[in-house]
Amino acid sequence: MTIGLHLDNYDLTAFTAIAARFGLDSFGYVVTPNVDHVIRYHDDESFRELYAHAEYVLLDSRLLAYLLRLTKGVNPRVCTGSDLTAQLLSMSAPGDRIVLIGASAQQAERVRTDYGLRNLVHYQPPMGFIRDPQAVESCLQFIEARSPFRFCFVAVGSPQQERLARELKVRGIARGLALCVGGSINFLTGDERRAPRWMQRIGFEWLFRLLQDPGRLARRYLIRGPRILALLPKFRFEFGRSKT
């Protein structure tokens, strides 16, 4: 069976301009697939459904872009979630409503201070919240009560963040652009180090991260990750602009 995956072919500069124009009258969410997400997309039909309803699907992985060039003969643009998060925070005005879901209170204060965001609000769901309907409801209500927002950064890991974003869309209350950005806040606050630019450019950021935290990442990068080589022939990638 061939599995289709649509990728909106934007780099950081192009999508920043789109995000800047999104406005406060409607709701949409952004997902940022990397190798791990594409494997989950193959394995989990419910995860494919979450991607199908995203407003934008932005390729997060230079390694995956390189593999697509080798195996599919295409040259997709990359817009990493970490770079996008930093860019959108930098372009936000001090009074813009910014919602941050996930990260710690200390990290939220660091982001608020570093980017001069007077109207940043933060909510940290409890560990394992996605399995507790009441905890999920509390998180959704927090976001909806702060709507409309310029940006809502949902940084609670995948697939939890995509499930939250999809539920916000189904409920139809929130207004603004939500972005599923995983561990991006950890990089912005210095809690995790990003790879040097030269390693990012050649698609070896994963190796830098593995060397920084082998206990947590070895299984993902050394056991789970290589599956992508066998799975790519089963994919039909569609490249283009937004579906909306």
C-alpha atoms as a PDB file:
ATOM      1  CA  MET A   1       0.000   0.000   0.000  1.00  0.00           C
ATOM      2  CA  THR A   2       1.275   3.458  -0.941  1.00  0.00           C
ATOM      3  CA  ILE A   3       0.791   6.200   1.636  1.00  0.00           C
ATOM      4  CA  GLY A   4       0.471   9.803   0.518  1.00  0.00           C
ATOM      5  CA  LEU A   5       1.969  12.666   2.521  1.00  0.00           C
ATOM      6  CA  HIS A   6       1.473  16.294   1.512  1.00  0.00           C
ATOM      7  CA  LEU A   7       4.310  18.707   2.347  1.00  0.00           C
ATOM      8  CA  ASP A   8       3.886  22.467   1.969  1.00  0.00           C
ATOM      9  CA  ASN A   9       7.084  23.430   0.212  1.00  0.00           C
ATOM     10  CA  TYR A  10       8.118  26.514   2.212  1.00  0.00           C
ATOM     11  CA  ASP A  11      11.445  27.509   3.657  1.00  0.00           C
ATOM     12  CA  LEU A  12      11.758  29.656   6.789  1.00  0.00           C
ATOM     13  CA  THR A  13      11.590  33.005   4.991  1.00  0.00           C
ATOM     14  CA  ALA A  14       8.556  32.100   2.913  1.00  0.00           C
ATOM     15  CA  PHE A  15       6.553  30.643   5.750  1.00  0.00           C
ATOM     16  CA  THR A  16       7.391  33.459   8.159  1.00  0.00           C
ATOM     17  CA  ALA A  17       5.650  35.833   5.755  1.00  0.00           C
ATOM     18  CA  ILE A  18       2.605  33.547   5.633  1.00  0.00           C
ATOM     19  CA  ALA A  19       2.434  33.266   9.418  1.00  0.00           C
ATOM     20  CA  ALA A  20       2.692  37.042   9.740  1.00  0.00           C
ATOM     21  CA  ARG A  21      -0.456  37.421   7.611  1.00  0.00           C
ATOM     22  CA  PHE A  22      -2.502  34.659   9.230  1.00  0.00           C
ATOM     23  CA  GLY A  23      -4.511  36.986  11.448  1.00  0.00           C
ATOM     24  CA  LEU A  24      -6.954  36.482  14.314  1.00  0.00           C
ATOM     25  CA  ASP A  25     -10.192  35.659  12.504  1.00  0.00           C
ATOM     26  CA  SER A  26      -9.668  31.946  11.916  1.00  0.00           C
ATOM     27  CA  PHE A  27      -7.848  28.964  13.404  1.00  0.00           C
ATOM     28  CA  GLY A  28      -5.233  26.746  11.830  1.00  0.00           C
ATOM     29  CA  TYR A  29      -2.413  24.556  13.040  1.00  0.00           C
ATOM     30  CA  VAL A  30       1.057  23.762  11.758  1.00  0.00           C
ATOM     31  CA  VAL A  31       2.816  20.393  12.003  1.00  0.00           C
ATOM     32  CA  THR A  32       6.537  19.921  11.426  1.00  0.00           C
ATOM     33  CA  PRO A  33       7.366  16.347  10.387  1.00  0.00           C
ATOM     34  CA  ASN A  34      10.796  14.871  11.008  1.00  0.00           C
ATOM     35  CA  VAL A  35      11.993  11.295  10.480  1.00  0.00           C
ATOM     36  CA  ASP A  36      10.341  10.059  13.679  1.00  0.00           C
ATOM     37  CA  HIS A  37       7.024  11.641  12.709  1.00  0.00           C
ATOM     38  CA  VAL A  38       7.094  10.125   9.228  1.00  0.00           C
ATOM     39  CA  ILE A  39       7.610   6.679  10.754  1.00  0.00           C
ATOM     40  CA  ARG A  40       4.649   7.306  13.063  1.00  0.00           C
ATOM     41  CA  TYR A  41       2.658   8.555  10.075  1.00  0.00           C
ATOM     42  CA  HIS A  42       3.279   5.224   8.352  1.00  0.00           C
ATOM     43  CA  ASP A  43       2.393   3.130  11.391  1.00  0.00           C
ATOM     44  CA  ASP A  44      -0.579   5.008  12.834  1.00  0.00           C
ATOM     45  CA  GLU A  45      -3.691   5.830  10.836  1.00  0.00           C
ATOM     46  CA  SER A  46      -4.970   8.147  13.576  1.00  0.00           C
ATOM     47  CA  PHE A  47      -1.765  10.187  13.299  1.00  0.00           C
ATOM     48  CA  ARG A  48      -2.314  10.512   9.548  1.00  0.00           C
ATOM     49  CA  GLU A  49      -5.737  11.959  10.354  1.00  0.00           C
ATOM     50  CA  LEU A  50      -4.141  14.634  12.551  1.00  0.00           C
ATOM     51  CA  TYR A  51      -1.855  15.644   9.686  1.00  0.00           C
ATOM     52  CA  ALA A  52      -4.719  15.651   7.192  1.00  0.00           C
ATOM     53  CA  HIS A  53      -6.439  18.467   9.072  1.00  0.00           C
ATOM     54  CA  ALA A  54      -3.345  20.615   9.586  1.00  0.00           C
ATOM     55  CA  GLU A  55      -3.323  23.955   7.825  1.00  0.00           C
ATOM     56  CA  TYR A  56       0.368  23.623   6.968  1.00  0.00           C
ATOM     57  CA  VAL A  57       2.784  20.668   6.933  1.00  0.00           C
ATOM     58  CA  LEU A  58       6.391  21.920   6.999  1.00  0.00           C
ATOM     59  CA  LEU A  59       9.387  19.638   6.563  1.00  0.00           C
ATOM     60  CA  ASP A  60      11.454  19.856   9.744  1.00  0.00           C
ATOM     61  CA  SER A  61      14.352  17.557   8.848  1.00  0.00           C
ATOM     62  CA  ARG A  62      17.322  18.281   6.593  1.00  0.00           C
ATOM     63  CA  LEU A  63      18.262  14.611   6.853  1.00  0.00           C
ATOM     64  CA  LEU A  64      14.864  13.623   5.500  1.00  0.00           C
ATOM     65  CA  ALA A  65      15.200  16.235   2.740  1.00  0.00           C
ATOM     66  CA  TYR A  66      18.538  14.667   1.785  1.00  0.00           C
ATOM     67  CA  LEU A  67      17.013  11.171   1.737  1.00  0.00           C
ATOM     68  CA  LEU A  68      14.169  12.414  -0.451  1.00  0.00           C
ATOM     69  CA  ARG A  69      16.675  13.847  -2.919  1.00  0.00           C
ATOM     70  CA  LEU A  70      18.437  10.496  -3.074  1.00  0.00           C
ATOM     71  CA  THR A  71      15.396   8.243  -3.240  1.00  0.00           C
ATOM     72  CA  LYS A  72      12.707  10.368  -4.897  1.00  0.00           C
ATOM     73  CA  GLY A  73      14.707  12.821  -6.978  1.00  0.00           C
ATOM     74  CA  VAL A  74      13.005  15.823  -5.367  1.00  0.00           C
ATOM     75  CA  ASN A  75      14.514  18.814  -3.588  1.00  0.00           C
ATOM     76  CA  PRO A  76      12.086  19.886  -0.829  1.00  0.00           C
ATOM     77  CA  ARG A  77      12.503  23.037   1.203  1.00  0.00           C
ATOM     78  CA  VAL A  78      13.081  22.775   4.945  1.00  0.00           C
ATOM     79  CA  CYS A  79      11.505  24.909   7.660  1.00  0.00           C
ATOM     80  CA  THR A  80      12.573  23.580  11.049  1.00  0.00           C
ATOM     81  CA  GLY A  81      10.283  24.041  14.015  1.00  0.00           C
ATOM     82  CA  SER A  82      13.098  25.415  16.163  1.00  0.00           C
ATOM     83  CA  ASP A  83      14.081  28.094  13.652  1.00  0.00           C
ATOM     84  CA  LEU A  84      10.444  28.954  12.989  1.00  0.00           C
ATOM     85  CA  THR A  85       9.642  29.331  16.687  1.00  0.00           C
ATOM     86  CA  ALA A  86      12.570  31.695  17.198  1.00  0.00           C
ATOM     87  CA  GLN A  87      11.654  33.695  14.090  1.00  0.00           C
ATOM     88  CA  LEU A  88       7.996  34.131  15.017  1.00  0.00           C
ATOM     89  CA  LEU A  89       8.799  35.131  18.580  1.00  0.00           C
ATOM     90  CA  SER A  90      11.321  37.670  17.290  1.00  0.00           C
ATOM     91  CA  MET A  91       8.789  39.254  14.928  1.00  0.00           C
ATOM     92  CA  SER A  92       6.007  39.427  17.533  1.00  0.00           C
ATOM     93  CA  ALA A  93       5.174  42.831  18.984  1.00  0.00           C
ATOM     94  CA  PRO A  94       5.463  43.255  22.775  1.00  0.00           C
ATOM     95  CA  GLY A  95       1.678  43.381  23.176  1.00  0.00           C
ATOM     96  CA  ASP A  96       0.820  40.431  20.927  1.00  0.00           C
ATOM     97  CA  ARG A  97      -1.005  37.608  22.681  1.00  0.00           C
ATOM     98  CA  ILE A  98       1.326  34.603  22.648  1.00  0.00           C
ATOM     99  CA  VAL A  99       0.238  31.308  24.205  1.00  0.00           C
ATOM    100  CA  LEU A 100       2.853  28.740  25.247  1.00  0.00           C
ATOM    101  CA  ILE A 101       1.704  25.227  26.109  1.00  0.00           C
ATOM    102  CA  GLY A 102       4.367  23.014  27.663  1.00  0.00           C
ATOM    103  CA  ALA A 103       7.839  23.942  28.907  1.00  0.00           C
ATOM    104  CA  SER A 104       8.387  25.002  32.505  1.00  0.00           C
ATOM    105  CA  ALA A 105       7.417  28.229  34.232  1.00  0.00           C
ATOM    106  CA  GLN A 106      11.099  29.188  34.283  1.00  0.00           C
ATOM    107  CA  GLN A 107      11.420  28.601  30.546  1.00  0.00           C
ATOM    108  CA  ALA A 108       8.281  30.625  29.858  1.00  0.00           C
ATOM    109  CA  GLU A 109       9.660  33.530  31.874  1.00  0.00           C
ATOM    110  CA  ARG A 110      12.936  33.299  29.982  1.00  0.00           C
ATOM    111  CA  VAL A 111      11.097  33.468  26.642  1.00  0.00           C
ATOM    112  CA  ARG A 112       8.951  36.350  27.898  1.00  0.00           C
ATOM    113  CA  THR A 113      12.026  38.301  28.987  1.00  0.00           C
ATOM    114  CA  ASP A 114      14.330  37.474  26.072  1.00  0.00           C
ATOM    115  CA  TYR A 115      11.762  38.415  23.436  1.00  0.00           C
ATOM    116  CA  GLY A 116      10.118  41.287  25.311  1.00  0.00           C
ATOM    117  CA  LEU A 117       6.653  39.706  25.199  1.00  0.00           C
ATOM    118  CA  ARG A 118       4.420  41.390  27.749  1.00  0.00           C
ATOM    119  CA  ASN A 119       1.367  39.372  26.766  1.00  0.00           C
ATOM    120  CA  LEU A 120       2.791  35.839  26.795  1.00  0.00           C
ATOM    121  CA  VAL A 121       0.674  33.384  28.779  1.00  0.00           C
ATOM    122  CA  HIS A 122       1.837  29.919  29.768  1.00  0.00           C
ATOM    123  CA  TYR A 123       0.246  26.626  30.735  1.00  0.00           C
ATOM    124  CA  GLN A 124       2.140  23.489  31.727  1.00  0.00           C
ATOM    125  CA  PRO A 125      -0.031  20.362  31.555  1.00  0.00           C
ATOM    126  CA  PRO A 126       0.817  17.597  34.023  1.00  0.00           C
ATOM    127  CA  MET A 127       2.941  14.664  32.904  1.00  0.00           C
ATOM    128  CA  GLY A 128       0.826  12.126  31.062  1.00  0.00           C
ATOM    129  CA  PHE A 129      -2.061  14.571  30.732  1.00  0.00           C
ATOM    130  CA  ILE A 130      -3.100  13.276  27.320  1.00  0.00           C
ATOM    131  CA  ARG A 131      -4.451  10.088  28.970  1.00  0.00           C
ATOM    132  CA  ASP A 132      -6.645  12.099  31.360  1.00  0.00           C
ATOM    133  CA  PRO A 133      -9.722  13.588  29.643  1.00  0.00           C
ATOM    134  CA  GLN A 134     -10.175  16.211  32.362  1.00  0.00           C
ATOM    135  CA  ALA A 135      -6.534  17.325  32.078  1.00  0.00           C
ATOM    136  CA  VAL A 136      -6.913  17.596  28.303  1.00  0.00           C
ATOM    137  CA  GLU A 137     -10.107  19.594  28.754  1.00  0.00           C
ATOM    138  CA  SER A 138      -8.392  21.981  31.172  1.00  0.00           C
ATOM    139  CA  CYS A 139      -5.604  22.565  28.662  1.00  0.00           C
ATOM    140  CA  LEU A 140      -8.037  23.174  25.805  1.00  0.00           C
ATOM    141  CA  GLN A 141     -10.095  25.589  27.881  1.00  0.00           C
ATOM    142  CA  PHE A 142      -6.966  27.517  28.862  1.00  0.00           C
ATOM    143  CA  ILE A 143      -6.062  28.021  25.200  1.00  0.00           C
ATOM    144  CA  GLU A 144      -9.601  28.915  24.162  1.00  0.00           C
ATOM    145  CA  ALA A 145      -9.966  31.442  26.983  1.00  0.00           C
ATOM    146  CA  ARG A 146      -6.828  33.250  25.704  1.00  0.00           C
ATOM    147  CA  SER A 147      -8.111  33.393  22.121  1.00  0.00           C
ATOM    148  CA  PRO A 148      -7.690  35.194  19.817  1.00  0.00           C
ATOM    149  CA  PHE A 149      -3.914  34.841  19.919  1.00  0.00           C
ATOM    150  CA  ARG A 150      -1.194  35.777  17.480  1.00  0.00           C
ATOM    151  CA  PHE A 151       0.559  32.450  17.944  1.00  0.00           C
ATOM    152  CA  CYS A 152       0.038  29.429  20.177  1.00  0.00           C
ATOM    153  CA  PHE A 153       3.161  27.289  20.542  1.00  0.00           C
ATOM    154  CA  VAL A 154       2.187  23.738  21.533  1.00  0.00           C
ATOM    155  CA  ALA A 155       5.360  22.140  22.864  1.00  0.00           C
ATOM    156  CA  VAL A 156       4.272  18.932  24.570  1.00  0.00           C
ATOM    157  CA  GLY A 157       5.793  16.368  22.211  1.00  0.00           C
ATOM    158  CA  SER A 158       4.297  14.294  19.439  1.00  0.00           C
ATOM    159  CA  PRO A 159       1.583  13.038  19.042  1.00  0.00           C
ATOM    160  CA  GLN A 160       0.173  14.870  22.094  1.00  0.00           C
ATOM    161  CA  GLN A 161       0.620  18.314  20.539  1.00  0.00           C
ATOM    162  CA  GLU A 162      -1.020  17.337  17.256  1.00  0.00           C
ATOM    163  CA  ARG A 163      -3.970  15.818  19.133  1.00  0.00           C
ATOM    164  CA  LEU A 164      -4.475  19.042  21.067  1.00  0.00           C
ATOM    165  CA  ALA A 165      -4.296  21.133  17.911  1.00  0.00           C
ATOM    166  CA  ARG A 166      -6.778  18.919  16.091  1.00  0.00           C
ATOM    167  CA  GLU A 167      -9.207  19.095  19.010  1.00  0.00           C
ATOM    168  CA  LEU A 168      -8.984  22.884  19.039  1.00  0.00           C
ATOM    169  CA  LYS A 169      -9.951  22.883  15.376  1.00  0.00           C
ATOM    170  CA  VAL A 170     -12.866  20.502  15.943  1.00  0.00           C
ATOM    171  CA  ARG A 171     -14.244  22.621  18.797  1.00  0.00           C
ATOM    172  CA  GLY A 172     -14.097  25.754  16.661  1.00  0.00           C
ATOM    173  CA  ILE A 173     -13.600  28.263  19.500  1.00  0.00           C
ATOM    174  CA  ALA A 174      -9.936  29.246  19.290  1.00  0.00           C
ATOM    175  CA  ARG A 175      -8.708  31.840  16.784  1.00  0.00           C
ATOM    176  CA  GLY A 176      -5.126  32.323  15.674  1.00  0.00           C
ATOM    177  CA  LEU A 177      -2.261  30.158  14.433  1.00  0.00           C
ATOM    178  CA  ALA A 178      -1.135  27.189  16.534  1.00  0.00           C
ATOM    179  CA  LEU A 179       2.215  25.542  15.915  1.00  0.00           C
ATOM    180  CA  CYS A 180       3.242  22.054  17.046  1.00  0.00           C
ATOM    181  CA  VAL A 181       6.902  22.674  17.843  1.00  0.00           C
ATOM    182  CA  GLY A 182       8.066  19.824  20.088  1.00  0.00           C
ATOM    183  CA  GLY A 183      11.278  20.594  21.972  1.00  0.00           C
ATOM    184  CA  SER A 184      11.937  23.951  20.306  1.00  0.00           C
ATOM    185  CA  ILE A 185      11.583  25.879  23.568  1.00  0.00           C
ATOM    186  CA  ASN A 186      14.408  23.843  25.105  1.00  0.00           C
ATOM    187  CA  PHE A 187      16.746  25.133  22.406  1.00  0.00           C
ATOM    188  CA  LEU A 188      15.608  28.744  22.754  1.00  0.00           C
ATOM    189  CA  THR A 189      16.186  28.772  26.501  1.00  0.00           C
ATOM    190  CA  GLY A 190      19.522  26.953  26.353  1.00  0.00           C
ATOM    191  CA  ASP A 191      18.273  23.874  28.219  1.00  0.00           C
ATOM    192  CA  GLU A 192      19.402  21.876  25.186  1.00  0.00           C
ATOM    193  CA  ARG A 193      22.191  22.826  22.795  1.00  0.00           C
ATOM    194  CA  ARG A 194      21.544  22.898  19.062  1.00  0.00           C
ATOM    195  CA  ALA A 195      24.107  21.501  16.689  1.00  0.00           C
ATOM    196  CA  PRO A 196      26.523  23.929  15.044  1.00  0.00           C
ATOM    197  CA  ARG A 197      25.174  25.407  11.829  1.00  0.00           C
ATOM    198  CA  TRP A 198      27.494  23.338   9.661  1.00  0.00           C
ATOM    199  CA  MET A 199      26.108  20.135  11.176  1.00  0.00           C
ATOM    200  CA  GLN A 200      22.555  21.368  10.659  1.00  0.00           C
ATOM    201  CA  ARG A 201      23.254  22.176   7.007  1.00  0.00           C
ATOM    202  CA  ILE A 202      24.508  18.669   6.204  1.00  0.00           C
ATOM    203  CA  GLY A 203      21.691  16.933   8.067  1.00  0.00           C
ATOM    204  CA  PHE A 204      23.725  15.736  11.054  1.00  0.00           C
ATOM    205  CA  GLU A 205      21.871  17.559  13.812  1.00  0.00           C
ATOM    206  CA  TRP A 206      20.518  14.195  14.926  1.00  0.00           C
ATOM    207  CA  LEU A 207      24.068  12.968  15.599  1.00  0.00           C
ATOM    208  CA  PHE A 208      24.865  16.022  17.705  1.00  0.00           C
ATOM    209  CA  ARG A 209      21.707  15.486  19.754  1.00  0.00           C
ATOM    210  CA  LEU A 210      22.479  11.780  20.162  1.00  0.00           C
ATOM    211  CA  LEU A 211      25.947  12.558  21.525  1.00  0.00           C
ATOM    212  CA  GLN A 212      24.442  15.097  23.947  1.00  0.00           C
ATOM    213  CA  ASP A 213      21.841  12.687  25.369  1.00  0.00           C
ATOM    214  CA  PRO A 214      22.500   9.079  24.305  1.00  0.00           C
ATOM    215  CA  GLY A 215      20.423   7.543  27.085  1.00  0.00           C
ATOM    216  CA  ARG A 216      17.235   9.237  25.921  1.00  0.00           C
ATOM    217  CA  LEU A 217      17.814   9.317  22.171  1.00  0.00           C
ATOM    218  CA  ALA A 218      19.741   6.146  21.291  1.00  0.00           C
ATOM    219  CA  ARG A 219      16.637   4.073  20.668  1.00  0.00           C
ATOM    220  CA  ARG A 220      15.012   6.774  18.539  1.00  0.00           C
ATOM    221  CA  TYR A 221      18.027   7.463  16.354  1.00  0.00           C
ATOM    222  CA  LEU A 222      19.802   4.105  16.206  1.00  0.00           C
ATOM    223  CA  ILE A 223      16.956   1.572  16.335  1.00  0.00           C
ATOM    224  CA  ARG A 224      13.736   3.283  15.305  1.00  0.00           C
ATOM    225  CA  GLY A 225      15.167   5.901  12.932  1.00  0.00           C
ATOM    226  CA  PRO A 226      16.837   3.592  10.379  1.00  0.00           C
ATOM    227  CA  ARG A 227      13.392   2.150   9.558  1.00  0.00           C
ATOM    228  CA  ILE A 228      12.847   5.234   7.415  1.00  0.00           C
ATOM    229  CA  LEU A 229      15.077   3.728   4.706  1.00  0.00           C
ATOM    230  CA  ALA A 230      12.718   0.773   4.270  1.00  0.00           C
ATOM    231  CA  LEU A 231       9.576   2.897   4.553  1.00  0.00           C
ATOM    232  CA  LEU A 232      10.347   5.661   2.065  1.00  0.00           C
ATOM    233  CA  PRO A 233       9.591   3.512  -1.012  1.00  0.00           C
ATOM    234  CA  LYS A 234       6.073   3.050   0.392  1.00  0.00           C
ATOM    235  CA  PHE A 235       5.406   6.801   0.424  1.00  0.00           C
ATOM    236  CA  ARG A 236       4.053   9.093  -2.244  1.00  0.00           C
ATOM    237  CA  PHE A 237       5.139  12.615  -1.315  1.00  0.00           C
ATOM    238  CA  GLU A 238       3.154  15.537  -2.696  1.00  0.00           C
ATOM    239  CA  PHE A 239       4.819  18.928  -2.688  1.00  0.00           C
ATOM    240  CA  GLY A 240       3.103  22.224  -3.080  1.00  0.00           C
ATOM    241  CA  ARG A 241       1.657  25.209  -1.373  1.00  0.00           C
ATOM    242  CA  SER A 242      -0.958  25.145   1.311  1.00  0.00           C
ATOM    243  CA  LYS A 243      -4.066  23.077   0.815  1.00  0.00           C
ATOM    244  CA  THR A 244      -6.183  26.034   1.953  1.00  0.00           C
END
